[in-house]
Structure formats: C-alpha cells, structure tokens
Amino acid sequence: MKHMCICAYEAYVQMCICAYVHLKHMCICAYEAYEAYEAAHRMWHMLAYEAFARMCI
C-alpha cells in the first residue's frame, strides 16, 4: 500500500485509488475513477446551474 494515496476533489470529497508519481509527489487518479468523477462533476454543475437559473427568474 506504499504507492497508494488519496485524492480530494474541490466540489466534494471523493475517495479514489491513485497512482503515485515518485518524483513529483503528486496523485494521478486512475482513468476509470477520473471518468466517473467527470460524469458526476458535470451532473453537479448542471444541477447547480438549474438551481441558480430558478433563483434568478
């Protein structure tokens, strides 16, 4: 488990398995997890936009 780390996302905290980058000490999320995050993130933005649009009307 040495080479595993946890990523935190800005909109909400979502755990994912990351590949450890030795030199940069950064996380790169696995492609499948990233795709799932992107889909959820787009949905979150769509819902937030709809709520905002309703408030502004």
N, C-alpha and C. Protein backbone atom coordinates (compact mmCIF):
# COMPACT_ATOMS: atom_id res chain seq x y z
N MET A 1 0.81 -1.22 0.00
CA MET A 1 0.00 0.00 0.00
C MET A 1 0.85 1.27 0.00
N LYS A 2 2.15 1.13 -0.07
CA LYS A 2 3.04 2.30 -0.06
C LYS A 2 2.73 3.26 -1.20
N HIS A 3 2.41 2.70 -2.35
CA HIS A 3 2.30 3.53 -3.54
C HIS A 3 0.86 3.95 -3.82
N MET A 4 0.03 3.96 -2.77
CA MET A 4 -1.35 4.42 -2.93
C MET A 4 -1.52 5.73 -2.18
N CYS A 5 -2.36 6.59 -2.67
CA CYS A 5 -2.68 7.81 -1.96
C CYS A 5 -4.11 8.21 -2.27
N ILE A 6 -4.59 9.21 -1.57
CA ILE A 6 -5.99 9.61 -1.68
C ILE A 6 -6.10 11.00 -2.30
N CYS A 7 -6.97 11.16 -3.25
CA CYS A 7 -7.23 12.46 -3.85
C CYS A 7 -8.48 13.06 -3.24
N ALA A 8 -8.49 14.36 -3.09
CA ALA A 8 -9.70 15.06 -2.66
C ALA A 8 -10.12 16.01 -3.77
N TYR A 9 -11.41 16.02 -4.10
CA TYR A 9 -11.90 16.89 -5.16
C TYR A 9 -12.51 18.16 -4.57
N GLU A 10 -12.54 19.21 -5.35
CA GLU A 10 -12.96 20.52 -4.87
C GLU A 10 -14.45 20.58 -4.53
N ALA A 11 -15.32 20.08 -5.38
CA ALA A 11 -16.76 20.20 -5.16
C ALA A 11 -17.21 19.40 -3.95
N TYR A 12 -16.68 18.22 -3.79
CA TYR A 12 -16.97 17.37 -2.64
C TYR A 12 -15.81 16.40 -2.53
N VAL A 13 -15.69 15.78 -1.38
CA VAL A 13 -14.58 14.86 -1.18
C VAL A 13 -14.99 13.49 -1.71
N GLN A 14 -14.20 12.98 -2.62
CA GLN A 14 -14.48 11.66 -3.18
C GLN A 14 -13.18 10.86 -3.15
N MET A 15 -13.22 9.69 -2.56
CA MET A 15 -12.02 8.88 -2.46
C MET A 15 -11.79 8.12 -3.75
N CYS A 16 -10.53 8.01 -4.13
CA CYS A 16 -10.20 7.17 -5.29
C CYS A 16 -8.80 6.62 -5.12
N ILE A 17 -8.54 5.53 -5.74
CA ILE A 17 -7.21 4.95 -5.73
C ILE A 17 -6.36 5.72 -6.74
N CYS A 18 -5.19 6.13 -6.31
CA CYS A 18 -4.33 6.92 -7.19
C CYS A 18 -3.03 6.20 -7.46
N ALA A 19 -2.44 6.52 -8.59
CA ALA A 19 -1.10 6.02 -8.90
C ALA A 19 -0.11 7.04 -8.38
N TYR A 20 0.87 6.61 -7.64
CA TYR A 20 1.83 7.53 -7.04
C TYR A 20 2.91 7.91 -8.05
N VAL A 21 3.20 9.20 -8.14
CA VAL A 21 4.25 9.69 -9.01
C VAL A 21 5.46 9.98 -8.14
N HIS A 22 6.52 9.20 -8.33
CA HIS A 22 7.66 9.23 -7.42
C HIS A 22 8.33 10.60 -7.31
N LEU A 23 8.64 11.21 -8.43
CA LEU A 23 9.45 12.43 -8.39
C LEU A 23 8.65 13.66 -7.98
N LYS A 24 7.41 13.74 -8.43
CA LYS A 24 6.64 14.95 -8.22
C LYS A 24 5.81 14.90 -6.94
N HIS A 25 5.67 13.72 -6.33
CA HIS A 25 4.85 13.57 -5.13
C HIS A 25 3.43 14.06 -5.37
N MET A 26 2.88 13.70 -6.52
CA MET A 26 1.52 14.08 -6.86
C MET A 26 0.68 12.84 -7.08
N CYS A 27 -0.64 13.04 -7.01
CA CYS A 27 -1.57 11.94 -7.28
C CYS A 27 -2.10 12.07 -8.70
N ILE A 28 -2.18 10.97 -9.38
CA ILE A 28 -2.90 10.92 -10.65
C ILE A 28 -3.94 9.80 -10.51
N CYS A 29 -5.19 10.19 -10.61
CA CYS A 29 -6.25 9.22 -10.41
C CYS A 29 -6.31 8.24 -11.58
N ALA A 30 -6.70 7.03 -11.27
CA ALA A 30 -6.89 6.02 -12.30
C ALA A 30 -7.93 6.52 -13.30
N TYR A 31 -7.77 6.17 -14.54
CA TYR A 31 -8.62 6.68 -15.62
C TYR A 31 -10.10 6.40 -15.37
N GLU A 32 -10.42 5.21 -14.89
CA GLU A 32 -11.82 4.85 -14.65
C GLU A 32 -12.41 5.74 -13.57
N ALA A 33 -11.67 5.97 -12.49
CA ALA A 33 -12.15 6.82 -11.41
C ALA A 33 -12.31 8.26 -11.91
N TYR A 34 -11.38 8.69 -12.76
CA TYR A 34 -11.44 10.04 -13.30
C TYR A 34 -12.67 10.23 -14.18
N GLU A 35 -12.97 9.22 -15.00
CA GLU A 35 -14.15 9.28 -15.85
C GLU A 35 -15.42 9.37 -15.01
N ALA A 36 -15.48 8.57 -13.95
CA ALA A 36 -16.65 8.60 -13.07
C ALA A 36 -16.77 9.97 -12.39
N TYR A 37 -15.63 10.51 -11.98
CA TYR A 37 -15.64 11.83 -11.36
C TYR A 37 -16.11 12.90 -12.34
N GLU A 38 -15.62 12.83 -13.57
CA GLU A 38 -16.01 13.82 -14.57
C GLU A 38 -17.51 13.79 -14.82
N ALA A 39 -18.08 12.60 -14.91
CA ALA A 39 -19.53 12.47 -15.14
C ALA A 39 -20.30 13.07 -13.96
N ALA A 40 -19.86 12.76 -12.74
CA ALA A 40 -20.53 13.29 -11.55
C ALA A 40 -20.37 14.80 -11.47
N HIS A 41 -19.20 15.28 -11.84
CA HIS A 41 -18.90 16.71 -11.78
C HIS A 41 -19.78 17.48 -12.76
N ARG A 42 -19.94 16.94 -13.98
CA ARG A 42 -20.80 17.58 -14.98
C ARG A 42 -22.24 17.61 -14.49
N MET A 43 -22.69 16.51 -13.88
CA MET A 43 -24.06 16.45 -13.37
C MET A 43 -24.25 17.47 -12.25
N TRP A 44 -23.24 17.57 -11.37
CA TRP A 44 -23.29 18.52 -10.26
C TRP A 44 -23.41 19.94 -10.80
N HIS A 45 -22.62 20.28 -11.82
CA HIS A 45 -22.68 21.62 -12.41
C HIS A 45 -24.03 21.88 -13.06
N MET A 46 -24.58 20.87 -13.71
CA MET A 46 -25.87 21.02 -14.36
C MET A 46 -26.96 21.29 -13.32
N LEU A 47 -26.94 20.53 -12.22
CA LEU A 47 -27.93 20.72 -11.16
C LEU A 47 -27.76 22.08 -10.51
N ALA A 48 -26.52 22.48 -10.26
CA ALA A 48 -26.25 23.77 -9.64
C ALA A 48 -26.72 24.90 -10.56
N TYR A 49 -26.47 24.74 -11.85
CA TYR A 49 -26.88 25.76 -12.82
C TYR A 49 -28.40 25.89 -12.87
N GLU A 50 -29.11 24.74 -12.85
CA GLU A 50 -30.57 24.75 -12.87
C GLU A 50 -31.12 25.46 -11.63
N ALA A 51 -30.53 25.15 -10.47
CA ALA A 51 -30.97 25.78 -9.23
C ALA A 51 -30.73 27.29 -9.28
N PHE A 52 -29.57 27.68 -9.81
CA PHE A 52 -29.22 29.09 -9.93
C PHE A 52 -30.18 29.80 -10.89
N ALA A 53 -30.49 29.13 -12.01
CA ALA A 53 -31.40 29.71 -13.01
C ALA A 53 -32.78 29.91 -12.39
N ARG A 54 -33.23 28.96 -11.57
CA ARG A 54 -34.54 29.09 -10.92
C ARG A 54 -34.54 30.26 -9.94
N MET A 55 -33.44 30.47 -9.24
CA MET A 55 -33.35 31.56 -8.29
C MET A 55 -33.41 32.91 -9.00
N CYS A 56 -32.83 32.97 -10.19
CA CYS A 56 -32.69 34.24 -10.88
C CYS A 56 -33.94 34.64 -11.66
N ILE A 57 -34.82 33.70 -11.89
CA ILE A 57 -36.02 34.01 -12.68
C ILE A 57 -37.02 34.79 -11.82
